[in-house]
């Protein structure tokens, strides 16, 4: 539905007010600078060709961190939500079929490895989002209203940007002068502090406790994308929502702790999967 616009010209004060309360770009700059401080290689804004549609698309932020032979690539989108219209993620326990993540083996013959169940960073039984919406009250009537179109747009952009990263990852080893590289791709949406809520249910629809204000939430997506030069598919299994403060803590974890890296790259299982495919890792 088209918005009803006032006929009055926008003034400097209007723009200042907008920048104080609604500016996605200001949030992007905060996220960008957090990535820079954390030592990631980061790109702020830009366009790319969507591999599926061949249309030009924009991304907010792309970042990557390398600990050879491992690399994590982030497709980050930012949305300046307000506490009076926050995001609510409804969650249920993760099923075994949803307990997985994929990594790309960048080599002369790119491969996709599936790490599932006990080997996945997304364990069975933990709560995972299955529905998202924003909730607020009508300014005049006071009635509750909901919708998720703005957040869904950012969600879709994060996945589309991840698709582009998949294409770029398949041959990424060549730029490093290596024979191989293991790449994980994480789509992320960052929103302001105080704008993210979760509510948990069992599979019978019974609510498990009260809604809670939180700083991060995972949503299951299970979206498949083709890998160039190979007749294989790469799945983005989950999308990560972070508040700004939690995203900064996440970046610190990437630098200071091996826990997240070990979760994404369980090397013993990876080597076993590569051996099955007769693709053992070499030292260069």
C-alpha atoms as a PDB file:
ATOM      1  CA  UNK A   1       0.000   0.000   0.000  1.00  0.00           C
ATOM      2  CA  UNK A   2       1.389   3.415  -0.998  1.00  0.00           C
ATOM      3  CA  UNK A   3       2.213   5.757   1.887  1.00  0.00           C
ATOM      4  CA  UNK A   4       0.265   8.992   2.180  1.00  0.00           C
ATOM      5  CA  UNK A   5       2.863  11.790   1.988  1.00  0.00           C
ATOM      6  CA  UNK A   6       2.429  15.333   3.212  1.00  0.00           C
ATOM      7  CA  UNK A   7       2.668  18.002   0.523  1.00  0.00           C
ATOM      8  CA  UNK A   8       4.953  20.084   2.775  1.00  0.00           C
ATOM      9  CA  UNK A   9       8.614  20.193   1.664  1.00  0.00           C
ATOM     10  CA  UNK A  10      11.128  18.304   3.799  1.00  0.00           C
ATOM     11  CA  UNK A  11      13.323  20.646   5.852  1.00  0.00           C
ATOM     12  CA  UNK A  12      16.821  20.384   7.262  1.00  0.00           C
ATOM     13  CA  UNK A  13      15.300  19.653  10.696  1.00  0.00           C
ATOM     14  CA  UNK A  14      13.292  16.778   9.217  1.00  0.00           C
ATOM     15  CA  UNK A  15      16.454  15.233   7.787  1.00  0.00           C
ATOM     16  CA  UNK A  16      18.312  15.707  11.084  1.00  0.00           C
ATOM     17  CA  UNK A  17      15.437  14.014  12.945  1.00  0.00           C
ATOM     18  CA  UNK A  18      15.464  11.132  10.476  1.00  0.00           C
ATOM     19  CA  UNK A  19      19.209  10.621  10.818  1.00  0.00           C
ATOM     20  CA  UNK A  20      18.882  10.492  14.607  1.00  0.00           C
ATOM     21  CA  UNK A  21      16.193   7.805  14.694  1.00  0.00           C
ATOM     22  CA  UNK A  22      15.816   5.953  11.379  1.00  0.00           C
ATOM     23  CA  UNK A  23      19.137   5.915   9.550  1.00  0.00           C
ATOM     24  CA  UNK A  24      20.196   2.411   8.491  1.00  0.00           C
ATOM     25  CA  UNK A  25      23.457   3.811   7.122  1.00  0.00           C
ATOM     26  CA  UNK A  26      24.547   5.070  10.549  1.00  0.00           C
ATOM     27  CA  UNK A  27      24.078   1.525  11.870  1.00  0.00           C
ATOM     28  CA  UNK A  28      26.043   0.187   8.892  1.00  0.00           C
ATOM     29  CA  UNK A  29      28.949   2.482   9.786  1.00  0.00           C
ATOM     30  CA  UNK A  30      28.906   1.251  13.379  1.00  0.00           C
ATOM     31  CA  UNK A  31      29.003  -2.360  12.176  1.00  0.00           C
ATOM     32  CA  UNK A  32      31.702  -1.554   9.614  1.00  0.00           C
ATOM     33  CA  UNK A  33      33.923   0.096  12.226  1.00  0.00           C
ATOM     34  CA  UNK A  34      33.407  -2.829  14.612  1.00  0.00           C
ATOM     35  CA  UNK A  35      34.685  -5.151  11.871  1.00  0.00           C
ATOM     36  CA  UNK A  36      37.666  -2.892  11.217  1.00  0.00           C
ATOM     37  CA  UNK A  37      38.570  -2.786  14.926  1.00  0.00           C
ATOM     38  CA  UNK A  38      38.332  -6.584  15.049  1.00  0.00           C
ATOM     39  CA  UNK A  39      40.847  -6.864  12.219  1.00  0.00           C
ATOM     40  CA  UNK A  40      38.514  -8.339   9.611  1.00  0.00           C
ATOM     41  CA  UNK A  41      38.876  -7.577   5.947  1.00  0.00           C
ATOM     42  CA  UNK A  42      35.688  -5.634   5.402  1.00  0.00           C
ATOM     43  CA  UNK A  43      33.830  -4.026   2.495  1.00  0.00           C
ATOM     44  CA  UNK A  44      31.212  -1.301   3.103  1.00  0.00           C
ATOM     45  CA  UNK A  45      28.450  -1.145   0.534  1.00  0.00           C
ATOM     46  CA  UNK A  46      28.675  -2.132  -3.074  1.00  0.00           C
ATOM     47  CA  UNK A  47      26.897  -3.910  -5.858  1.00  0.00           C
ATOM     48  CA  UNK A  48      27.166  -7.403  -7.245  1.00  0.00           C
ATOM     49  CA  UNK A  49      25.447  -9.504  -9.856  1.00  0.00           C
ATOM     50  CA  UNK A  50      23.010 -11.960  -8.361  1.00  0.00           C
ATOM     51  CA  UNK A  51      24.202 -15.323  -9.757  1.00  0.00           C
ATOM     52  CA  UNK A  52      20.614 -16.592  -9.998  1.00  0.00           C
ATOM     53  CA  UNK A  53      18.790 -13.592 -11.484  1.00  0.00           C
ATOM     54  CA  UNK A  54      21.779 -11.882 -13.172  1.00  0.00           C
ATOM     55  CA  UNK A  55      20.407  -8.624 -11.752  1.00  0.00           C
ATOM     56  CA  UNK A  56      22.510  -6.023  -9.971  1.00  0.00           C
ATOM     57  CA  UNK A  57      21.998  -6.013  -6.188  1.00  0.00           C
ATOM     58  CA  UNK A  58      23.416  -4.067  -3.276  1.00  0.00           C
ATOM     59  CA  UNK A  59      24.950  -5.334  -0.059  1.00  0.00           C
ATOM     60  CA  UNK A  60      25.535  -3.481   3.203  1.00  0.00           C
ATOM     61  CA  UNK A  61      28.687  -5.161   4.490  1.00  0.00           C
ATOM     62  CA  UNK A  62      30.821  -8.149   3.587  1.00  0.00           C
ATOM     63  CA  UNK A  63      33.657  -9.239   5.840  1.00  0.00           C
ATOM     64  CA  UNK A  64      36.035 -12.148   6.133  1.00  0.00           C
ATOM     65  CA  UNK A  65      38.646 -13.488   8.494  1.00  0.00           C
ATOM     66  CA  UNK A  66      41.312 -16.015   7.527  1.00  0.00           C
ATOM     67  CA  UNK A  67      43.104 -18.553   9.694  1.00  0.00           C
ATOM     68  CA  UNK A  68      44.502 -20.714   6.935  1.00  0.00           C
ATOM     69  CA  UNK A  69      43.332 -23.211   5.823  1.00  0.00           C
ATOM     70  CA  UNK A  70      40.069 -21.871   7.317  1.00  0.00           C
ATOM     71  CA  UNK A  71      38.100 -18.776   6.376  1.00  0.00           C
ATOM     72  CA  UNK A  72      34.809 -17.352   7.664  1.00  0.00           C
ATOM     73  CA  UNK A  73      32.891 -15.013   5.374  1.00  0.00           C
ATOM     74  CA  UNK A  74      30.087 -12.798   6.677  1.00  0.00           C
ATOM     75  CA  UNK A  75      27.216 -11.325   4.653  1.00  0.00           C
ATOM     76  CA  UNK A  76      25.885  -8.601   6.961  1.00  0.00           C
ATOM     77  CA  UNK A  77      22.767  -6.477   6.533  1.00  0.00           C
ATOM     78  CA  UNK A  78      21.673  -3.748   8.950  1.00  0.00           C
ATOM     79  CA  UNK A  79      18.189  -2.527   9.890  1.00  0.00           C
ATOM     80  CA  UNK A  80      17.544   0.344  12.299  1.00  0.00           C
ATOM     81  CA  UNK A  81      14.514  -0.992  14.180  1.00  0.00           C
ATOM     82  CA  UNK A  82      12.953   0.845  17.125  1.00  0.00           C
ATOM     83  CA  UNK A  83      11.910  -0.504  20.531  1.00  0.00           C
ATOM     84  CA  UNK A  84       8.296   0.501  19.804  1.00  0.00           C
ATOM     85  CA  UNK A  85       8.264  -1.841  16.765  1.00  0.00           C
ATOM     86  CA  UNK A  86      10.724  -4.615  17.697  1.00  0.00           C
ATOM     87  CA  UNK A  87      11.412  -7.938  16.030  1.00  0.00           C
ATOM     88  CA  UNK A  88       9.888 -11.031  17.672  1.00  0.00           C
ATOM     89  CA  UNK A  89      11.337 -14.449  16.751  1.00  0.00           C
ATOM     90  CA  UNK A  90       9.122 -17.463  17.505  1.00  0.00           C
ATOM     91  CA  UNK A  91      11.162 -20.624  18.157  1.00  0.00           C
ATOM     92  CA  UNK A  92      10.766 -24.385  18.526  1.00  0.00           C
ATOM     93  CA  UNK A  93      13.376 -27.069  19.280  1.00  0.00           C
ATOM     94  CA  UNK A  94      15.627 -27.781  16.308  1.00  0.00           C
ATOM     95  CA  UNK A  95      14.952 -31.118  14.619  1.00  0.00           C
ATOM     96  CA  UNK A  96      17.738 -33.458  13.543  1.00  0.00           C
ATOM     97  CA  UNK A  97      17.055 -32.738   9.858  1.00  0.00           C
ATOM     98  CA  UNK A  98      17.795 -29.054  10.582  1.00  0.00           C
ATOM     99  CA  UNK A  99      20.979 -29.780  12.539  1.00  0.00           C
ATOM    100  CA  UNK A 100      23.658 -29.154   9.914  1.00  0.00           C
ATOM    101  CA  UNK A 101      25.851 -26.602   8.232  1.00  0.00           C
ATOM    102  CA  UNK A 102      27.806 -26.725   4.965  1.00  0.00           C
ATOM    103  CA  UNK A 103      31.335 -25.597   4.186  1.00  0.00           C
ATOM    104  CA  UNK A 104      33.003 -25.110   0.812  1.00  0.00           C
ATOM    105  CA  UNK A 105      36.281 -26.812  -0.038  1.00  0.00           C
ATOM    106  CA  UNK A 106      37.857 -24.283  -2.382  1.00  0.00           C
ATOM    107  CA  UNK A 107      40.176 -26.227  -4.686  1.00  0.00           C
ATOM    108  CA  UNK A 108      40.680 -27.093  -8.341  1.00  0.00           C
ATOM    109  CA  UNK A 109      37.550 -29.230  -7.948  1.00  0.00           C
ATOM    110  CA  UNK A 110      35.337 -27.365  -5.443  1.00  0.00           C
ATOM    111  CA  UNK A 111      33.373 -29.525  -3.031  1.00  0.00           C
ATOM    112  CA  UNK A 112      30.648 -29.001  -0.445  1.00  0.00           C
ATOM    113  CA  UNK A 113      30.914 -30.825   2.865  1.00  0.00           C
ATOM    114  CA  UNK A 114      27.856 -31.334   5.075  1.00  0.00           C
ATOM    115  CA  UNK A 115      28.518 -31.343   8.835  1.00  0.00           C
ATOM    116  CA  UNK A 116      25.438 -32.729  10.531  1.00  0.00           C
ATOM    117  CA  UNK A 117      24.112 -33.799  13.899  1.00  0.00           C
ATOM    118  CA  UNK A 118      26.786 -33.940  16.585  1.00  0.00           C
ATOM    119  CA  UNK A 119      29.308 -32.453  14.143  1.00  0.00           C
ATOM    120  CA  UNK A 120      27.246 -29.330  13.411  1.00  0.00           C
ATOM    121  CA  UNK A 121      27.525 -26.010  15.171  1.00  0.00           C
ATOM    122  CA  UNK A 122      23.707 -26.060  15.247  1.00  0.00           C
ATOM    123  CA  UNK A 123      22.809 -28.941  17.620  1.00  0.00           C
ATOM    124  CA  UNK A 124      19.547 -30.843  17.606  1.00  0.00           C
ATOM    125  CA  UNK A 125      17.123 -29.790  20.340  1.00  0.00           C
ATOM    126  CA  UNK A 126      18.259 -26.182  20.755  1.00  0.00           C
ATOM    127  CA  UNK A 127      15.607 -23.563  20.064  1.00  0.00           C
ATOM    128  CA  UNK A 128      15.616 -22.121  16.544  1.00  0.00           C
ATOM    129  CA  UNK A 129      13.427 -19.483  14.935  1.00  0.00           C
ATOM    130  CA  UNK A 130      10.681 -20.502  12.533  1.00  0.00           C
ATOM    131  CA  UNK A 131       8.675 -17.266  12.344  1.00  0.00           C
ATOM    132  CA  UNK A 132       9.517 -13.570  12.613  1.00  0.00           C
ATOM    133  CA  UNK A 133       7.353 -10.499  12.949  1.00  0.00           C
ATOM    134  CA  UNK A 134       7.453  -6.946  14.246  1.00  0.00           C
ATOM    135  CA  UNK A 135       4.876  -5.875  16.816  1.00  0.00           C
ATOM    136  CA  UNK A 136       3.723  -2.381  17.733  1.00  0.00           C
ATOM    137  CA  UNK A 137       0.659  -0.343  18.625  1.00  0.00           C
ATOM    138  CA  UNK A 138      -1.308   1.929  16.328  1.00  0.00           C
ATOM    139  CA  UNK A 139      -0.614   5.555  17.258  1.00  0.00           C
ATOM    140  CA  UNK A 140      -4.297   6.504  17.230  1.00  0.00           C
ATOM    141  CA  UNK A 141      -6.367   3.432  18.128  1.00  0.00           C
ATOM    142  CA  UNK A 142      -3.829   1.680  20.327  1.00  0.00           C
ATOM    143  CA  UNK A 143      -4.535  -1.611  18.552  1.00  0.00           C
ATOM    144  CA  UNK A 144      -1.671  -4.067  18.167  1.00  0.00           C
ATOM    145  CA  UNK A 145      -0.267  -4.225  14.645  1.00  0.00           C
ATOM    146  CA  UNK A 146       2.334  -6.539  13.141  1.00  0.00           C
ATOM    147  CA  UNK A 147       4.350  -7.133   9.991  1.00  0.00           C
ATOM    148  CA  UNK A 148       7.814  -8.177   8.899  1.00  0.00           C
ATOM    149  CA  UNK A 149       8.277  -6.781   5.402  1.00  0.00           C
ATOM    150  CA  UNK A 150      11.159  -4.457   6.340  1.00  0.00           C
ATOM    151  CA  UNK A 151      13.094  -7.152   8.187  1.00  0.00           C
ATOM    152  CA  UNK A 152      12.305  -9.742   5.514  1.00  0.00           C
ATOM    153  CA  UNK A 153      13.853  -7.453   2.884  1.00  0.00           C
ATOM    154  CA  UNK A 154      17.092  -7.385   4.884  1.00  0.00           C
ATOM    155  CA  UNK A 155      16.870 -11.123   5.487  1.00  0.00           C
ATOM    156  CA  UNK A 156      16.538 -11.707   1.732  1.00  0.00           C
ATOM    157  CA  UNK A 157      19.453  -9.376   0.988  1.00  0.00           C
ATOM    158  CA  UNK A 158      21.694 -11.224   3.469  1.00  0.00           C
ATOM    159  CA  UNK A 159      20.878 -14.536   1.769  1.00  0.00           C
ATOM    160  CA  UNK A 160      21.379 -13.076  -1.710  1.00  0.00           C
ATOM    161  CA  UNK A 161      24.744 -11.645  -0.657  1.00  0.00           C
ATOM    162  CA  UNK A 162      25.663 -15.064   0.766  1.00  0.00           C
ATOM    163  CA  UNK A 163      24.839 -16.556  -2.633  1.00  0.00           C
ATOM    164  CA  UNK A 164      27.377 -14.205  -4.184  1.00  0.00           C
ATOM    165  CA  UNK A 165      29.962 -15.199  -1.571  1.00  0.00           C
ATOM    166  CA  UNK A 166      29.431 -18.860  -2.442  1.00  0.00           C
ATOM    167  CA  UNK A 167      30.427 -18.135  -6.036  1.00  0.00           C
ATOM    168  CA  UNK A 168      33.461 -16.167  -4.911  1.00  0.00           C
ATOM    169  CA  UNK A 169      34.550 -18.871  -2.453  1.00  0.00           C
ATOM    170  CA  UNK A 170      34.740 -21.752  -4.928  1.00  0.00           C
ATOM    171  CA  UNK A 171      38.036 -20.497  -6.372  1.00  0.00           C
ATOM    172  CA  UNK A 172      39.286 -18.461  -3.392  1.00  0.00           C
ATOM    173  CA  UNK A 173      42.319 -20.729  -2.837  1.00  0.00           C
ATOM    174  CA  UNK A 174      43.944 -19.420  -6.023  1.00  0.00           C
ATOM    175  CA  UNK A 175      44.171 -15.853  -4.682  1.00  0.00           C
ATOM    176  CA  UNK A 176      46.120 -17.182  -1.707  1.00  0.00           C
ATOM    177  CA  UNK A 177      48.396 -19.318  -3.836  1.00  0.00           C
ATOM    178  CA  UNK A 178      47.210 -22.431  -1.997  1.00  0.00           C
ATOM    179  CA  UNK A 179      45.905 -25.798  -3.096  1.00  0.00           C
ATOM    180  CA  UNK A 180      42.788 -25.563  -0.946  1.00  0.00           C
ATOM    181  CA  UNK A 181      40.777 -23.444   1.482  1.00  0.00           C
ATOM    182  CA  UNK A 182      37.836 -24.348   3.743  1.00  0.00           C
ATOM    183  CA  UNK A 183      35.185 -21.616   3.751  1.00  0.00           C
ATOM    184  CA  UNK A 184      32.138 -21.097   5.984  1.00  0.00           C
ATOM    185  CA  UNK A 185      29.542 -18.475   5.029  1.00  0.00           C
ATOM    186  CA  UNK A 186      27.340 -16.827   7.653  1.00  0.00           C
ATOM    187  CA  UNK A 187      24.411 -14.501   6.777  1.00  0.00           C
ATOM    188  CA  UNK A 188      23.744 -11.952   9.532  1.00  0.00           C
ATOM    189  CA  UNK A 189      21.208  -9.206  10.187  1.00  0.00           C
ATOM    190  CA  UNK A 190      22.246  -6.604  12.792  1.00  0.00           C
ATOM    191  CA  UNK A 191      19.610  -4.501  14.568  1.00  0.00           C
ATOM    192  CA  UNK A 192      19.862  -1.992  17.453  1.00  0.00           C
ATOM    193  CA  UNK A 193      20.017  -3.059  21.085  1.00  0.00           C
ATOM    194  CA  UNK A 194      16.644  -3.481  22.763  1.00  0.00           C
ATOM    195  CA  UNK A 195      14.774  -4.448  19.585  1.00  0.00           C
ATOM    196  CA  UNK A 196      15.011  -8.267  19.559  1.00  0.00           C
ATOM    197  CA  UNK A 197      12.620 -10.604  21.399  1.00  0.00           C
ATOM    198  CA  UNK A 198      12.180 -14.378  21.458  1.00  0.00           C
ATOM    199  CA  UNK A 199       9.221 -16.553  22.403  1.00  0.00           C
ATOM    200  CA  UNK A 200       9.572 -20.353  22.617  1.00  0.00           C
ATOM    201  CA  UNK A 201       7.030 -23.114  21.937  1.00  0.00           C
ATOM    202  CA  UNK A 202       6.907 -26.880  22.033  1.00  0.00           C
ATOM    203  CA  UNK A 203       5.688 -28.808  18.989  1.00  0.00           C
ATOM    204  CA  UNK A 204       2.151 -28.875  20.388  1.00  0.00           C
ATOM    205  CA  UNK A 205       2.044 -25.100  20.259  1.00  0.00           C
ATOM    206  CA  UNK A 206       2.328 -24.607  24.031  1.00  0.00           C
ATOM    207  CA  UNK A 207       4.289 -21.486  24.911  1.00  0.00           C
ATOM    208  CA  UNK A 208       7.372 -22.198  27.009  1.00  0.00           C
ATOM    209  CA  UNK A 209       7.683 -19.274  29.416  1.00  0.00           C
ATOM    210  CA  UNK A 210       7.280 -15.563  28.786  1.00  0.00           C
ATOM    211  CA  UNK A 211       8.678 -13.643  25.795  1.00  0.00           C
ATOM    212  CA  UNK A 212      12.238 -12.495  26.492  1.00  0.00           C
ATOM    213  CA  UNK A 213      14.335  -9.591  25.336  1.00  0.00           C
ATOM    214  CA  UNK A 214      17.552 -11.039  23.886  1.00  0.00           C
ATOM    215  CA  UNK A 215      20.676 -10.086  21.979  1.00  0.00           C
ATOM    216  CA  UNK A 216      20.828 -12.875  19.371  1.00  0.00           C
ATOM    217  CA  UNK A 217      18.586 -15.405  17.679  1.00  0.00           C
ATOM    218  CA  UNK A 218      19.020 -18.005  14.962  1.00  0.00           C
ATOM    219  CA  UNK A 219      16.394 -18.623  12.293  1.00  0.00           C
ATOM    220  CA  UNK A 220      16.355 -21.795  10.195  1.00  0.00           C
ATOM    221  CA  UNK A 221      16.229 -21.132   6.436  1.00  0.00           C
ATOM    222  CA  UNK A 222      17.568 -24.241   4.647  1.00  0.00           C
ATOM    223  CA  UNK A 223      18.172 -22.399   1.358  1.00  0.00           C
ATOM    224  CA  UNK A 224      20.162 -24.179  -1.372  1.00  0.00           C
ATOM    225  CA  UNK A 225      22.446 -22.532  -3.930  1.00  0.00           C
ATOM    226  CA  UNK A 226      24.501 -23.981  -6.786  1.00  0.00           C
ATOM    227  CA  UNK A 227      28.293 -24.045  -6.632  1.00  0.00           C
ATOM    228  CA  UNK A 228      30.014 -22.978  -9.878  1.00  0.00           C
ATOM    229  CA  UNK A 229      31.900 -25.543 -11.926  1.00  0.00           C
ATOM    230  CA  UNK A 230      30.332 -28.398  -9.979  1.00  0.00           C
ATOM    231  CA  UNK A 231      26.974 -30.141 -10.028  1.00  0.00           C
ATOM    232  CA  UNK A 232      26.559 -29.665  -6.262  1.00  0.00           C
ATOM    233  CA  UNK A 233      24.479 -27.476  -3.971  1.00  0.00           C
ATOM    234  CA  UNK A 234      25.534 -25.400  -0.965  1.00  0.00           C
ATOM    235  CA  UNK A 235      22.931 -24.883   1.775  1.00  0.00           C
ATOM    236  CA  UNK A 236      22.635 -21.851   4.006  1.00  0.00           C
ATOM    237  CA  UNK A 237      20.994 -23.587   6.940  1.00  0.00           C
ATOM    238  CA  UNK A 238      20.618 -20.678   9.375  1.00  0.00           C
ATOM    239  CA  UNK A 239      20.395 -16.895   9.470  1.00  0.00           C
ATOM    240  CA  UNK A 240      21.799 -15.093  12.511  1.00  0.00           C
ATOM    241  CA  UNK A 241      20.157 -12.035  14.092  1.00  0.00           C
ATOM    242  CA  UNK A 242      22.413  -9.959  16.358  1.00  0.00           C
ATOM    243  CA  UNK A 243      21.912  -6.747  18.259  1.00  0.00           C
ATOM    244  CA  UNK A 244      24.760  -4.301  17.686  1.00  0.00           C
ATOM    245  CA  UNK A 245      26.368  -4.943  21.071  1.00  0.00           C
ATOM    246  CA  UNK A 246      26.188  -8.721  20.628  1.00  0.00           C
ATOM    247  CA  UNK A 247      27.622  -8.477  17.109  1.00  0.00           C
ATOM    248  CA  UNK A 248      30.643  -6.672  18.572  1.00  0.00           C
ATOM    249  CA  UNK A 249      31.027  -9.463  21.167  1.00  0.00           C
ATOM    250  CA  UNK A 250      30.741 -12.017  18.371  1.00  0.00           C
ATOM    251  CA  UNK A 251      33.647 -10.356  16.542  1.00  0.00           C
ATOM    252  CA  UNK A 252      35.735 -10.499  19.714  1.00  0.00           C
ATOM    253  CA  UNK A 253      34.979 -14.221  19.950  1.00  0.00           C
ATOM    254  CA  UNK A 254      36.194 -14.757  16.397  1.00  0.00           C
ATOM    255  CA  UNK A 255      39.556 -13.262  17.353  1.00  0.00           C
ATOM    256  CA  UNK A 256      40.025 -14.485  20.906  1.00  0.00           C
ATOM    257  CA  UNK A 257      38.391 -17.892  21.113  1.00  0.00           C
ATOM    258  CA  UNK A 258      38.729 -21.089  19.126  1.00  0.00           C
ATOM    259  CA  UNK A 259      35.272 -22.304  20.169  1.00  0.00           C
ATOM    260  CA  UNK A 260      33.377 -20.831  17.222  1.00  0.00           C
ATOM    261  CA  UNK A 261      36.049 -21.926  14.730  1.00  0.00           C
ATOM    262  CA  UNK A 262      36.066 -25.460  16.126  1.00  0.00           C
ATOM    263  CA  UNK A 263      32.275 -25.553  15.895  1.00  0.00           C
ATOM    264  CA  UNK A 264      32.248 -24.514  12.237  1.00  0.00           C
ATOM    265  CA  UNK A 265      35.290 -26.579  11.299  1.00  0.00           C
ATOM    266  CA  UNK A 266      35.402 -29.909  13.219  1.00  0.00           C
ATOM    267  CA  UNK A 267      38.637 -30.954  11.575  1.00  0.00           C
ATOM    268  CA  UNK A 268      38.554 -34.640  12.474  1.00  0.00           C
ATOM    269  CA  UNK A 269      35.160 -35.059  10.835  1.00  0.00           C
ATOM    270  CA  UNK A 270      36.134 -32.847   7.900  1.00  0.00           C
ATOM    271  CA  UNK A 271      39.208 -34.943   7.225  1.00  0.00           C
ATOM    272  CA  UNK A 272      37.104 -38.113   7.414  1.00  0.00           C
ATOM    273  CA  UNK A 273      34.657 -36.694   4.859  1.00  0.00           C
ATOM    274  CA  UNK A 274      37.497 -35.618   2.583  1.00  0.00           C
ATOM    275  CA  UNK A 275      39.069 -39.052   2.807  1.00  0.00           C
ATOM    276  CA  UNK A 276      35.791 -40.576   1.660  1.00  0.00           C
ATOM    277  CA  UNK A 277      35.961 -38.330  -1.370  1.00  0.00           C
ATOM    278  CA  UNK A 278      39.703 -39.020  -1.755  1.00  0.00           C
ATOM    279  CA  UNK A 279      40.477 -35.333  -1.193  1.00  0.00           C
ATOM    280  CA  UNK A 280      42.871 -35.318   1.764  1.00  0.00           C
ATOM    281  CA  UNK A 281      44.206 -31.901   2.841  1.00  0.00           C
ATOM    282  CA  UNK A 282      47.742 -31.119   1.862  1.00  0.00           C
ATOM    283  CA  UNK A 283      50.079 -28.630   3.520  1.00  0.00           C
ATOM    284  CA  UNK A 284      50.216 -26.024   0.770  1.00  0.00           C
END
